[in-house]
Amino acid sequence: MSHPASRTYEPVTPQNVAFLGLGVMGYPMAGHLAQAGHTVTVYNRTASKAIAWCADYAGAGGQKHAQSPREAARGASLVFCCVGNDDDVRAVTLGADGAFAGMEPGAVFIDHTTASAEVARELHGAARTLGLSFVDAPVSGGEAGAQNGQLTVMCGGDQAAFDAVQPVATAFARAFTRMGEAGAGQLTKMVNQICIAGLVQGLAEAIAFGQRAGLDMPQVLDVIGKGAAQSWQLDNRGQTMVSGKFDFGFAVDWMRKDLGLVLQEARRNGARIPVTALVDQFYADVQAMGGQRWDTSSLIKRLG
């Protein structure tokens, strides 16, 4: 696993922190915390990855790994987490070996997993009964954003807890914003994913149409990218979609997990999201083609 890209960190008082979950996002996020001067204790379900992380960041100070979330959280003022889903978040927070059991009153748990608003509210309540704070803080920016320390983070939770975390989180975030009470961060991430789903499908259809029409699509994208069709997806994925390259981080499997959360919440709140539901099924088609690990721009593959 490579080090995160070098960058300049804002001066902040070094703290003892923990990071649970060292996947493609968590590994570099924890690395930025270490390089910013914090003492980081890491935990990962597969211990070998935690050991490798400590070897990678040995030069950044007193980094160490723990055998359980509880052990990692002991003595940490802030406990960061980035795991897979609702059940994974519960597994690292609750129970005898969970982080909450090791945290001291006043400590803050920050969950960067894209999960449900329901689990965010549940764990916020559980933390409060123990004298702890919980901030739901899903991220946008993908693997590149994590590597470069340029993630956008949407937070839900108490203002005081948010204020305690924000200066430290600037190590890996370019924007770290409180959106409201518990669950608001997760709901904002759902809005983000709804926007992306429809936009990527539109871009895929546009490129497939232009190719069938015999146009020079790199030139077309360059031209329309200077007008109202411009978007991050067009700028960063348009040319790679034309080239048939789909190895740029955020996997179709992960997008389907996220859209599942969106559809579940829409059923609960009555929102009408027919395009999102349709694009979710298109991603199922991509999975059936063997594209589980292709990135989200691979929607164009089903139009070929």
C-alpha atoms as a PDB file:
ATOM      1  CA  MET A   1       0.000   0.000   0.000  1.00  0.00           C
ATOM      2  CA  SER A   2       1.454   3.358  -0.988  1.00  0.00           C
ATOM      3  CA  HIS A   3       1.847   6.350   1.266  1.00  0.00           C
ATOM      4  CA  PRO A   4      -0.657   9.147   0.828  1.00  0.00           C
ATOM      5  CA  ALA A   5       0.478  11.994  -1.384  1.00  0.00           C
ATOM      6  CA  SER A   6       2.695  14.499   0.397  1.00  0.00           C
ATOM      7  CA  ARG A   7       0.954  17.676   1.500  1.00  0.00           C
ATOM      8  CA  THR A   8       1.236  20.511   3.996  1.00  0.00           C
ATOM      9  CA  TYR A   9      -0.769  20.086   7.194  1.00  0.00           C
ATOM     10  CA  GLU A  10      -2.375  22.838   9.247  1.00  0.00           C
ATOM     11  CA  PRO A  11      -0.654  23.212  12.631  1.00  0.00           C
ATOM     12  CA  VAL A  12      -2.789  21.543  15.300  1.00  0.00           C
ATOM     13  CA  THR A  13      -2.116  20.235  18.816  1.00  0.00           C
ATOM     14  CA  PRO A  14      -1.040  16.569  18.500  1.00  0.00           C
ATOM     15  CA  GLN A  15      -3.533  14.127  19.973  1.00  0.00           C
ATOM     16  CA  ASN A  16      -3.806  10.439  20.712  1.00  0.00           C
ATOM     17  CA  VAL A  17      -6.311   9.096  18.196  1.00  0.00           C
ATOM     18  CA  ALA A  18      -7.453   5.719  16.923  1.00  0.00           C
ATOM     19  CA  PHE A  19      -8.452   4.559  13.452  1.00  0.00           C
ATOM     20  CA  LEU A  20     -10.577   1.450  12.900  1.00  0.00           C
ATOM     21  CA  GLY A  21     -10.666  -0.050   9.404  1.00  0.00           C
ATOM     22  CA  LEU A  22      -7.737   0.149   7.000  1.00  0.00           C
ATOM     23  CA  GLY A  23      -9.346  -0.391   3.611  1.00  0.00           C
ATOM     24  CA  VAL A  24      -8.673   1.642   0.468  1.00  0.00           C
ATOM     25  CA  MET A  25     -10.018   4.749   2.236  1.00  0.00           C
ATOM     26  CA  GLY A  26      -9.027   4.192   5.856  1.00  0.00           C
ATOM     27  CA  TYR A  27      -5.391   3.249   5.178  1.00  0.00           C
ATOM     28  CA  PRO A  28      -4.392   6.623   3.678  1.00  0.00           C
ATOM     29  CA  MET A  29      -6.759   8.601   5.948  1.00  0.00           C
ATOM     30  CA  ALA A  30      -5.031   7.153   9.008  1.00  0.00           C
ATOM     31  CA  GLY A  31      -1.716   7.857   7.294  1.00  0.00           C
ATOM     32  CA  HIS A  32      -2.513  11.548   6.945  1.00  0.00           C
ATOM     33  CA  LEU A  33      -3.340  11.711  10.669  1.00  0.00           C
ATOM     34  CA  ALA A  34       0.054  10.193  11.468  1.00  0.00           C
ATOM     35  CA  GLN A  35       1.900  12.516   9.096  1.00  0.00           C
ATOM     36  CA  ALA A  36       0.101  15.506  10.633  1.00  0.00           C
ATOM     37  CA  GLY A  37       1.761  14.665  13.944  1.00  0.00           C
ATOM     38  CA  HIS A  38      -0.898  12.669  15.793  1.00  0.00           C
ATOM     39  CA  THR A  39      -0.197   9.407  17.608  1.00  0.00           C
ATOM     40  CA  VAL A  40      -2.436   6.871  15.873  1.00  0.00           C
ATOM     41  CA  THR A  41      -3.430   3.433  17.144  1.00  0.00           C
ATOM     42  CA  VAL A  42      -4.963   1.361  14.354  1.00  0.00           C
ATOM     43  CA  TYR A  43      -7.207  -1.677  14.317  1.00  0.00           C
ATOM     44  CA  ASN A  44      -8.121  -3.791  11.319  1.00  0.00           C
ATOM     45  CA  ARG A  45     -10.093  -7.033  11.218  1.00  0.00           C
ATOM     46  CA  THR A  46      -7.234  -8.567   9.220  1.00  0.00           C
ATOM     47  CA  ALA A  47      -4.354  -7.823  11.583  1.00  0.00           C
ATOM     48  CA  SER A  48      -1.654  -8.126   8.914  1.00  0.00           C
ATOM     49  CA  LYS A  49      -2.860  -4.902   7.315  1.00  0.00           C
ATOM     50  CA  ALA A  50      -2.566  -3.042  10.632  1.00  0.00           C
ATOM     51  CA  ILE A  51       0.963  -4.371  11.047  1.00  0.00           C
ATOM     52  CA  ALA A  52       1.840  -3.250   7.514  1.00  0.00           C
ATOM     53  CA  TRP A  53       0.366   0.204   8.194  1.00  0.00           C
ATOM     54  CA  CYS A  54       2.550   0.605  11.290  1.00  0.00           C
ATOM     55  CA  ALA A  55       5.616  -0.329   9.251  1.00  0.00           C
ATOM     56  CA  ASP A  56       4.686   2.203   6.558  1.00  0.00           C
ATOM     57  CA  TYR A  57       4.263   5.024   9.084  1.00  0.00           C
ATOM     58  CA  ALA A  58       6.962   4.144  11.603  1.00  0.00           C
ATOM     59  CA  GLY A  59       8.801   7.306  10.630  1.00  0.00           C
ATOM     60  CA  ALA A  60       5.841   9.500  11.545  1.00  0.00           C
ATOM     61  CA  GLY A  61       6.074   8.805  15.296  1.00  0.00           C
ATOM     62  CA  GLY A  62       4.616   6.447  17.875  1.00  0.00           C
ATOM     63  CA  GLN A  63       2.137   4.563  15.732  1.00  0.00           C
ATOM     64  CA  LYS A  64       0.883   1.190  16.967  1.00  0.00           C
ATOM     65  CA  HIS A  65      -1.777  -1.418  16.282  1.00  0.00           C
ATOM     66  CA  ALA A  66      -4.294  -3.019  18.610  1.00  0.00           C
ATOM     67  CA  GLN A  67      -5.969  -6.425  18.804  1.00  0.00           C
ATOM     68  CA  SER A  68      -9.502  -5.082  19.263  1.00  0.00           C
ATOM     69  CA  PRO A  69     -11.480  -1.860  18.769  1.00  0.00           C
ATOM     70  CA  ARG A  70     -11.700  -1.532  22.558  1.00  0.00           C
ATOM     71  CA  GLU A  71      -7.922  -1.682  22.924  1.00  0.00           C
ATOM     72  CA  ALA A  72      -7.384   0.769  20.060  1.00  0.00           C
ATOM     73  CA  ALA A  73      -9.812   3.278  21.575  1.00  0.00           C
ATOM     74  CA  ARG A  74      -8.303   3.227  25.060  1.00  0.00           C
ATOM     75  CA  GLY A  75      -6.789   6.639  25.806  1.00  0.00           C
ATOM     76  CA  ALA A  76      -7.845   8.158  22.455  1.00  0.00           C
ATOM     77  CA  SER A  77      -9.617  11.518  22.457  1.00  0.00           C
ATOM     78  CA  LEU A  78     -10.908  10.829  18.931  1.00  0.00           C
ATOM     79  CA  VAL A  79     -11.728   7.436  17.420  1.00  0.00           C
ATOM     80  CA  PHE A  80     -12.105   7.423  13.622  1.00  0.00           C
ATOM     81  CA  CYS A  81     -13.725   4.566  11.737  1.00  0.00           C
ATOM     82  CA  CYS A  82     -14.175   3.555   8.106  1.00  0.00           C
ATOM     83  CA  VAL A  83     -15.627   0.070   7.636  1.00  0.00           C
ATOM     84  CA  GLY A  84     -18.161  -1.602   5.326  1.00  0.00           C
ATOM     85  CA  ASN A  85     -21.778  -1.294   6.420  1.00  0.00           C
ATOM     86  CA  ASP A  86     -24.192  -0.858   9.341  1.00  0.00           C
ATOM     87  CA  ASP A  87     -23.383  -4.220  10.905  1.00  0.00           C
ATOM     88  CA  ASP A  88     -19.637  -3.555  10.640  1.00  0.00           C
ATOM     89  CA  VAL A  89     -20.066  -0.218  12.425  1.00  0.00           C
ATOM     90  CA  ARG A  90     -22.043  -1.890  15.205  1.00  0.00           C
ATOM     91  CA  ALA A  91     -19.379  -4.600  15.466  1.00  0.00           C
ATOM     92  CA  VAL A  92     -16.545  -2.123  16.088  1.00  0.00           C
ATOM     93  CA  THR A  93     -18.515   0.112  18.479  1.00  0.00           C
ATOM     94  CA  LEU A  94     -20.732  -2.104  20.642  1.00  0.00           C
ATOM     95  CA  GLY A  95     -20.113  -5.102  22.889  1.00  0.00           C
ATOM     96  CA  ALA A  96     -17.326  -6.067  25.248  1.00  0.00           C
ATOM     97  CA  ASP A  97     -14.596  -5.616  22.608  1.00  0.00           C
ATOM     98  CA  GLY A  98     -16.172  -2.566  20.926  1.00  0.00           C
ATOM     99  CA  ALA A  99     -14.626   0.887  20.895  1.00  0.00           C
ATOM    100  CA  PHE A 100     -17.295   2.378  23.177  1.00  0.00           C
ATOM    101  CA  ALA A 101     -16.157   0.016  25.950  1.00  0.00           C
ATOM    102  CA  GLY A 102     -12.617   1.416  25.747  1.00  0.00           C
ATOM    103  CA  MET A 103     -13.383   5.121  25.315  1.00  0.00           C
ATOM    104  CA  GLU A 104     -13.266   7.557  28.190  1.00  0.00           C
ATOM    105  CA  PRO A 105     -16.124  10.017  28.878  1.00  0.00           C
ATOM    106  CA  GLY A 106     -15.824  13.040  26.614  1.00  0.00           C
ATOM    107  CA  ALA A 107     -14.168  11.133  23.768  1.00  0.00           C
ATOM    108  CA  VAL A 108     -15.645  11.384  20.263  1.00  0.00           C
ATOM    109  CA  PHE A 109     -16.295   8.538  17.800  1.00  0.00           C
ATOM    110  CA  ILE A 110     -16.287   9.630  14.143  1.00  0.00           C
ATOM    111  CA  ASP A 111     -17.771   7.207  11.622  1.00  0.00           C
ATOM    112  CA  HIS A 112     -16.654   7.722   8.018  1.00  0.00           C
ATOM    113  CA  THR A 113     -18.494   4.629   6.775  1.00  0.00           C
ATOM    114  CA  THR A 114     -21.312   5.242   4.314  1.00  0.00           C
ATOM    115  CA  ALA A 115     -24.109   3.711   6.365  1.00  0.00           C
ATOM    116  CA  SER A 116     -27.759   4.334   7.183  1.00  0.00           C
ATOM    117  CA  ALA A 117     -29.074   7.384   8.994  1.00  0.00           C
ATOM    118  CA  GLU A 118     -30.828   4.903  11.286  1.00  0.00           C
ATOM    119  CA  VAL A 119     -27.595   3.357  12.579  1.00  0.00           C
ATOM    120  CA  ALA A 120     -26.088   6.825  13.008  1.00  0.00           C
ATOM    121  CA  ARG A 121     -28.969   7.860  15.275  1.00  0.00           C
ATOM    122  CA  GLU A 122     -28.824   4.529  17.130  1.00  0.00           C
ATOM    123  CA  LEU A 123     -25.113   4.816  17.896  1.00  0.00           C
ATOM    124  CA  HIS A 124     -25.381   8.517  18.702  1.00  0.00           C
ATOM    125  CA  GLY A 125     -27.874   7.564  21.406  1.00  0.00           C
ATOM    126  CA  ALA A 126     -25.785   4.664  22.669  1.00  0.00           C
ATOM    127  CA  ALA A 127     -22.711   6.882  22.884  1.00  0.00           C
ATOM    128  CA  ARG A 128     -24.577   9.610  24.754  1.00  0.00           C
ATOM    129  CA  THR A 129     -25.671   7.187  27.504  1.00  0.00           C
ATOM    130  CA  LEU A 130     -21.973   6.420  28.097  1.00  0.00           C
ATOM    131  CA  GLY A 131     -20.887  10.070  28.186  1.00  0.00           C
ATOM    132  CA  LEU A 132     -19.395   9.809  24.699  1.00  0.00           C
ATOM    133  CA  SER A 133     -20.107  11.625  21.425  1.00  0.00           C
ATOM    134  CA  PHE A 134     -20.793  10.139  17.994  1.00  0.00           C
ATOM    135  CA  VAL A 135     -20.457  11.952  14.661  1.00  0.00           C
ATOM    136  CA  ASP A 136     -21.646  10.370  11.413  1.00  0.00           C
ATOM    137  CA  ALA A 137     -19.219  11.635   8.800  1.00  0.00           C
ATOM    138  CA  PRO A 138     -19.381   9.876   5.404  1.00  0.00           C
ATOM    139  CA  VAL A 139     -16.927  11.054   2.788  1.00  0.00           C
ATOM    140  CA  SER A 140     -16.887  11.880  -0.907  1.00  0.00           C
ATOM    141  CA  GLY A 141     -13.834  12.026  -3.125  1.00  0.00           C
ATOM    142  CA  GLY A 142     -12.991   8.370  -3.581  1.00  0.00           C
ATOM    143  CA  GLU A 143      -9.649   6.657  -3.249  1.00  0.00           C
ATOM    144  CA  ALA A 144      -7.815   9.558  -4.911  1.00  0.00           C
ATOM    145  CA  GLY A 145      -9.338  12.007  -2.414  1.00  0.00           C
ATOM    146  CA  ALA A 146      -8.214   9.824   0.475  1.00  0.00           C
ATOM    147  CA  GLN A 147      -4.697   9.492  -0.931  1.00  0.00           C
ATOM    148  CA  ASN A 148      -4.396  13.238  -1.536  1.00  0.00           C
ATOM    149  CA  GLY A 149      -6.006  14.297   1.742  1.00  0.00           C
ATOM    150  CA  GLN A 150      -8.733  16.119  -0.194  1.00  0.00           C
ATOM    151  CA  LEU A 151     -11.928  14.407   0.950  1.00  0.00           C
ATOM    152  CA  THR A 152     -15.255  16.176   1.373  1.00  0.00           C
ATOM    153  CA  VAL A 153     -16.829  15.132   4.679  1.00  0.00           C
ATOM    154  CA  MET A 154     -20.523  15.594   5.565  1.00  0.00           C
ATOM    155  CA  CYS A 155     -21.230  15.405   9.283  1.00  0.00           C
ATOM    156  CA  GLY A 156     -24.172  14.858  11.576  1.00  0.00           C
ATOM    157  CA  GLY A 157     -24.045  15.223  15.347  1.00  0.00           C
ATOM    158  CA  ASP A 158     -23.646  17.641  18.210  1.00  0.00           C
ATOM    159  CA  GLN A 159     -21.914  20.951  17.536  1.00  0.00           C
ATOM    160  CA  ALA A 160     -19.403  20.534  20.379  1.00  0.00           C
ATOM    161  CA  ALA A 161     -18.320  17.106  19.134  1.00  0.00           C
ATOM    162  CA  PHE A 162     -17.996  18.405  15.579  1.00  0.00           C
ATOM    163  CA  ASP A 163     -15.874  21.327  16.795  1.00  0.00           C
ATOM    164  CA  ALA A 164     -13.528  18.930  18.598  1.00  0.00           C
ATOM    165  CA  VAL A 165     -12.978  16.833  15.482  1.00  0.00           C
ATOM    166  CA  GLN A 166     -12.737  19.439  12.730  1.00  0.00           C
ATOM    167  CA  PRO A 167      -9.171  20.705  13.307  1.00  0.00           C
ATOM    168  CA  VAL A 168      -7.803  17.157  13.364  1.00  0.00           C
ATOM    169  CA  ALA A 169      -9.812  15.989  10.352  1.00  0.00           C
ATOM    170  CA  THR A 170      -8.266  18.676   8.155  1.00  0.00           C
ATOM    171  CA  ALA A 171      -5.352  16.236   7.852  1.00  0.00           C
ATOM    172  CA  PHE A 172      -7.366  14.278   5.266  1.00  0.00           C
ATOM    173  CA  ALA A 173     -10.267  16.605   4.360  1.00  0.00           C
ATOM    174  CA  ARG A 174     -10.501  19.729   2.262  1.00  0.00           C
ATOM    175  CA  ALA A 175     -14.060  20.310   3.502  1.00  0.00           C
ATOM    176  CA  PHE A 176     -15.462  19.096   6.837  1.00  0.00           C
ATOM    177  CA  THR A 177     -18.975  20.431   7.315  1.00  0.00           C
ATOM    178  CA  ARG A 178     -21.695  19.900   9.908  1.00  0.00           C
ATOM    179  CA  MET A 179     -25.007  19.308   8.139  1.00  0.00           C
ATOM    180  CA  GLY A 180     -27.243  18.947  11.206  1.00  0.00           C
ATOM    181  CA  GLU A 181     -28.086  16.520  13.982  1.00  0.00           C
ATOM    182  CA  ALA A 182     -27.279  12.789  14.077  1.00  0.00           C
ATOM    183  CA  GLY A 183     -27.946  11.142  10.706  1.00  0.00           C
ATOM    184  CA  ALA A 184     -27.691  14.354   8.680  1.00  0.00           C
ATOM    185  CA  GLY A 185     -24.255  13.415   7.382  1.00  0.00           C
ATOM    186  CA  GLN A 186     -25.501  10.094   6.054  1.00  0.00           C
ATOM    187  CA  LEU A 187     -28.559  11.708   4.483  1.00  0.00           C
ATOM    188  CA  THR A 188     -26.325  14.270   2.739  1.00  0.00           C
ATOM    189  CA  LYS A 189     -24.167  11.448   1.356  1.00  0.00           C
ATOM    190  CA  MET A 190     -27.346   9.859  -0.030  1.00  0.00           C
ATOM    191  CA  VAL A 191     -28.131  13.115  -1.854  1.00  0.00           C
ATOM    192  CA  ASN A 192     -24.587  13.001  -3.232  1.00  0.00           C
ATOM    193  CA  GLN A 193     -25.026   9.467  -4.555  1.00  0.00           C
ATOM    194  CA  ILE A 194     -28.401  10.272  -6.149  1.00  0.00           C
ATOM    195  CA  CYS A 195     -26.723  13.115  -8.060  1.00  0.00           C
ATOM    196  CA  ILE A 196     -23.862  10.903  -9.201  1.00  0.00           C
ATOM    197  CA  ALA A 197     -26.053   7.995 -10.307  1.00  0.00           C
ATOM    198  CA  GLY A 198     -28.161  10.046 -12.692  1.00  0.00           C
ATOM    199  CA  LEU A 199     -25.226  12.080 -13.947  1.00  0.00           C
ATOM    200  CA  VAL A 200     -23.028   9.086 -14.793  1.00  0.00           C
ATOM    201  CA  GLN A 201     -25.891   7.379 -16.641  1.00  0.00           C
ATOM    202  CA  GLY A 202     -26.495  10.553 -18.668  1.00  0.00           C
ATOM    203  CA  LEU A 203     -22.803  10.814 -19.494  1.00  0.00           C
ATOM    204  CA  ALA A 204     -22.697   7.135 -20.488  1.00  0.00           C
ATOM    205  CA  GLU A 205     -25.673   7.549 -22.817  1.00  0.00           C
ATOM    206  CA  ALA A 206     -24.196  10.717 -24.334  1.00  0.00           C
ATOM    207  CA  ILE A 207     -20.856   9.071 -25.085  1.00  0.00           C
ATOM    208  CA  ALA A 208     -22.483   5.913 -26.487  1.00  0.00           C
ATOM    209  CA  PHE A 209     -24.752   8.062 -28.682  1.00  0.00           C
ATOM    210  CA  GLY A 210     -21.833  10.138 -29.948  1.00  0.00           C
ATOM    211  CA  GLN A 211     -19.797   7.040 -30.755  1.00  0.00           C
ATOM    212  CA  ARG A 212     -22.696   5.536 -32.745  1.00  0.00           C
ATOM    213  CA  ALA A 213     -23.013   8.860 -34.582  1.00  0.00           C
ATOM    214  CA  GLY A 214     -19.372   8.648 -35.638  1.00  0.00           C
ATOM    215  CA  LEU A 215     -18.214  11.739 -33.753  1.00  0.00           C
ATOM    216  CA  ASP A 216     -14.702  12.374 -32.442  1.00  0.00           C
ATOM    217  CA  MET A 217     -15.713  11.919 -28.798  1.00  0.00           C
ATOM    218  CA  PRO A 218     -12.546  13.288 -27.143  1.00  0.00           C
ATOM    219  CA  GLN A 219     -13.094  16.489 -29.155  1.00  0.00           C
ATOM    220  CA  VAL A 220     -16.827  16.495 -28.345  1.00  0.00           C
ATOM    221  CA  LEU A 221     -16.149  16.167 -24.617  1.00  0.00           C
ATOM    222  CA  ASP A 222     -13.569  18.922 -24.765  1.00  0.00           C
ATOM    223  CA  VAL A 223     -16.068  21.254 -26.410  1.00  0.00           C
ATOM    224  CA  ILE A 224     -19.160  20.487 -24.325  1.00  0.00           C
ATOM    225  CA  GLY A 225     -17.039  20.517 -21.176  1.00  0.00           C
ATOM    226  CA  LYS A 226     -16.699  24.278 -21.675  1.00  0.00           C
ATOM    227  CA  GLY A 227     -20.471  24.748 -21.546  1.00  0.00           C
ATOM    228  CA  ALA A 228     -23.509  23.775 -19.513  1.00  0.00           C
ATOM    229  CA  ALA A 229     -22.774  20.021 -19.760  1.00  0.00           C
ATOM    230  CA  GLN A 230     -19.591  20.419 -17.727  1.00  0.00           C
ATOM    231  CA  SER A 231     -19.334  18.302 -14.564  1.00  0.00           C
ATOM    232  CA  TRP A 232     -16.732  16.616 -12.393  1.00  0.00           C
ATOM    233  CA  GLN A 233     -17.693  13.297 -13.954  1.00  0.00           C
ATOM    234  CA  LEU A 234     -17.259  14.632 -17.491  1.00  0.00           C
ATOM    235  CA  ASP A 235     -13.912  16.228 -16.634  1.00  0.00           C
ATOM    236  CA  ASN A 236     -12.515  13.205 -14.794  1.00  0.00           C
ATOM    237  CA  ARG A 237     -14.250  10.191 -16.349  1.00  0.00           C
ATOM    238  CA  GLY A 238     -15.409  11.244 -19.824  1.00  0.00           C
ATOM    239  CA  GLN A 239     -12.169  10.479 -21.664  1.00  0.00           C
ATOM    240  CA  THR A 240     -11.562   7.271 -19.695  1.00  0.00           C
ATOM    241  CA  MET A 241     -15.088   6.089 -20.527  1.00  0.00           C
ATOM    242  CA  VAL A 242     -14.324   6.672 -24.214  1.00  0.00           C
ATOM    243  CA  SER A 243     -11.136   4.629 -23.760  1.00  0.00           C
ATOM    244  CA  GLY A 244     -12.932   1.812 -21.943  1.00  0.00           C
ATOM    245  CA  LYS A 245     -10.903   2.174 -18.727  1.00  0.00           C
ATOM    246  CA  PHE A 246     -12.760   1.505 -15.500  1.00  0.00           C
ATOM    247  CA  ASP A 247     -10.174   1.078 -12.742  1.00  0.00           C
ATOM    248  CA  PHE A 248     -10.497   4.416 -10.980  1.00  0.00           C
ATOM    249  CA  GLY A 249     -11.475   3.531  -7.443  1.00  0.00           C
ATOM    250  CA  PHE A 250     -15.115   3.607  -6.385  1.00  0.00           C
ATOM    251  CA  ALA A 251     -16.423   0.154  -7.255  1.00  0.00           C
ATOM    252  CA  VAL A 252     -19.836  -0.808  -8.612  1.00  0.00           C
ATOM    253  CA  ASP A 253     -20.373  -3.109  -5.608  1.00  0.00           C
ATOM    254  CA  TRP A 254     -19.930  -0.141  -3.273  1.00  0.00           C
ATOM    255  CA  MET A 255     -22.246   2.045  -5.324  1.00  0.00           C
ATOM    256  CA  ARG A 256     -24.959  -0.599  -5.170  1.00  0.00           C
ATOM    257  CA  LYS A 257     -24.570  -0.753  -1.398  1.00  0.00           C
ATOM    258  CA  ASP A 258     -24.943   3.034  -1.222  1.00  0.00           C
ATOM    259  CA  LEU A 259     -27.942   3.099  -3.551  1.00  0.00           C
ATOM    260  CA  GLY A 260     -29.550   0.381  -1.459  1.00  0.00           C
ATOM    261  CA  LEU A 261     -29.363   2.743   1.517  1.00  0.00           C
ATOM    262  CA  VAL A 262     -30.813   5.539  -0.611  1.00  0.00           C
ATOM    263  CA  LEU A 263     -33.748   3.413  -1.783  1.00  0.00           C
ATOM    264  CA  GLN A 264     -34.422   2.189   1.764  1.00  0.00           C
ATOM    265  CA  GLU A 265     -34.504   5.775   3.066  1.00  0.00           C
ATOM    266  CA  ALA A 266     -36.716   6.890   0.164  1.00  0.00           C
ATOM    267  CA  ARG A 267     -39.225   4.185   1.028  1.00  0.00           C
ATOM    268  CA  ARG A 268     -39.214   5.484   4.591  1.00  0.00           C
ATOM    269  CA  ASN A 269     -39.572   9.207   3.792  1.00  0.00           C
ATOM    270  CA  GLY A 270     -41.737   8.932   0.675  1.00  0.00           C
ATOM    271  CA  ALA A 271     -39.260  10.540  -1.752  1.00  0.00           C
ATOM    272  CA  ARG A 272     -39.816   9.666  -5.416  1.00  0.00           C
ATOM    273  CA  ILE A 273     -36.514   8.685  -7.058  1.00  0.00           C
ATOM    274  CA  PRO A 274     -37.410   6.685 -10.192  1.00  0.00           C
ATOM    275  CA  VAL A 275     -34.211   7.491 -12.095  1.00  0.00           C
ATOM    276  CA  THR A 276     -32.045   6.420  -9.163  1.00  0.00           C
ATOM    277  CA  ALA A 277     -33.964   3.142  -8.861  1.00  0.00           C
ATOM    278  CA  LEU A 278     -33.455   2.514 -12.581  1.00  0.00           C
ATOM    279  CA  VAL A 279     -29.723   3.268 -12.481  1.00  0.00           C
ATOM    280  CA  ASP A 280     -29.385   0.917  -9.506  1.00  0.00           C
ATOM    281  CA  GLN A 281     -30.730  -1.853 -11.754  1.00  0.00           C
ATOM    282  CA  PHE A 282     -28.316  -0.809 -14.495  1.00  0.00           C
ATOM    283  CA  TYR A 283     -25.477  -1.282 -11.997  1.00  0.00           C
ATOM    284  CA  ALA A 284     -26.898  -4.751 -11.307  1.00  0.00           C
ATOM    285  CA  ASP A 285     -26.489  -5.419 -15.039  1.00  0.00           C
ATOM    286  CA  VAL A 286     -22.832  -4.339 -14.805  1.00  0.00           C
ATOM    287  CA  GLN A 287     -22.333  -6.712 -11.863  1.00  0.00           C
ATOM    288  CA  ALA A 288     -23.806  -9.535 -13.960  1.00  0.00           C
ATOM    289  CA  MET A 289     -21.248  -8.694 -16.656  1.00  0.00           C
ATOM    290  CA  GLY A 290     -18.470  -9.323 -14.130  1.00  0.00           C
ATOM    291  CA  GLY A 291     -17.933  -5.654 -13.336  1.00  0.00           C
ATOM    292  CA  GLN A 292     -18.296  -5.758  -9.567  1.00  0.00           C
ATOM    293  CA  ARG A 293     -14.941  -4.045  -9.066  1.00  0.00           C
ATOM    294  CA  TRP A 294     -15.093  -1.729 -12.068  1.00  0.00           C
ATOM    295  CA  ASP A 295     -15.622   1.909 -11.107  1.00  0.00           C
ATOM    296  CA  THR A 296     -18.998   3.595 -11.383  1.00  0.00           C
ATOM    297  CA  SER A 297     -18.331   5.035 -14.851  1.00  0.00           C
ATOM    298  CA  SER A 298     -18.588   1.471 -16.216  1.00  0.00           C
ATOM    299  CA  LEU A 299     -22.315   2.037 -16.778  1.00  0.00           C
ATOM    300  CA  ILE A 300     -21.333   2.676 -20.399  1.00  0.00           C
ATOM    301  CA  LYS A 301     -20.333  -1.005 -20.777  1.00  0.00           C
ATOM    302  CA  ARG A 302     -23.973  -2.100 -20.866  1.00  0.00           C
ATOM    303  CA  LEU A 303     -24.631   0.291 -23.783  1.00  0.00           C
ATOM    304  CA  GLY A 304     -21.932  -1.132 -26.032  1.00  0.00           C
END
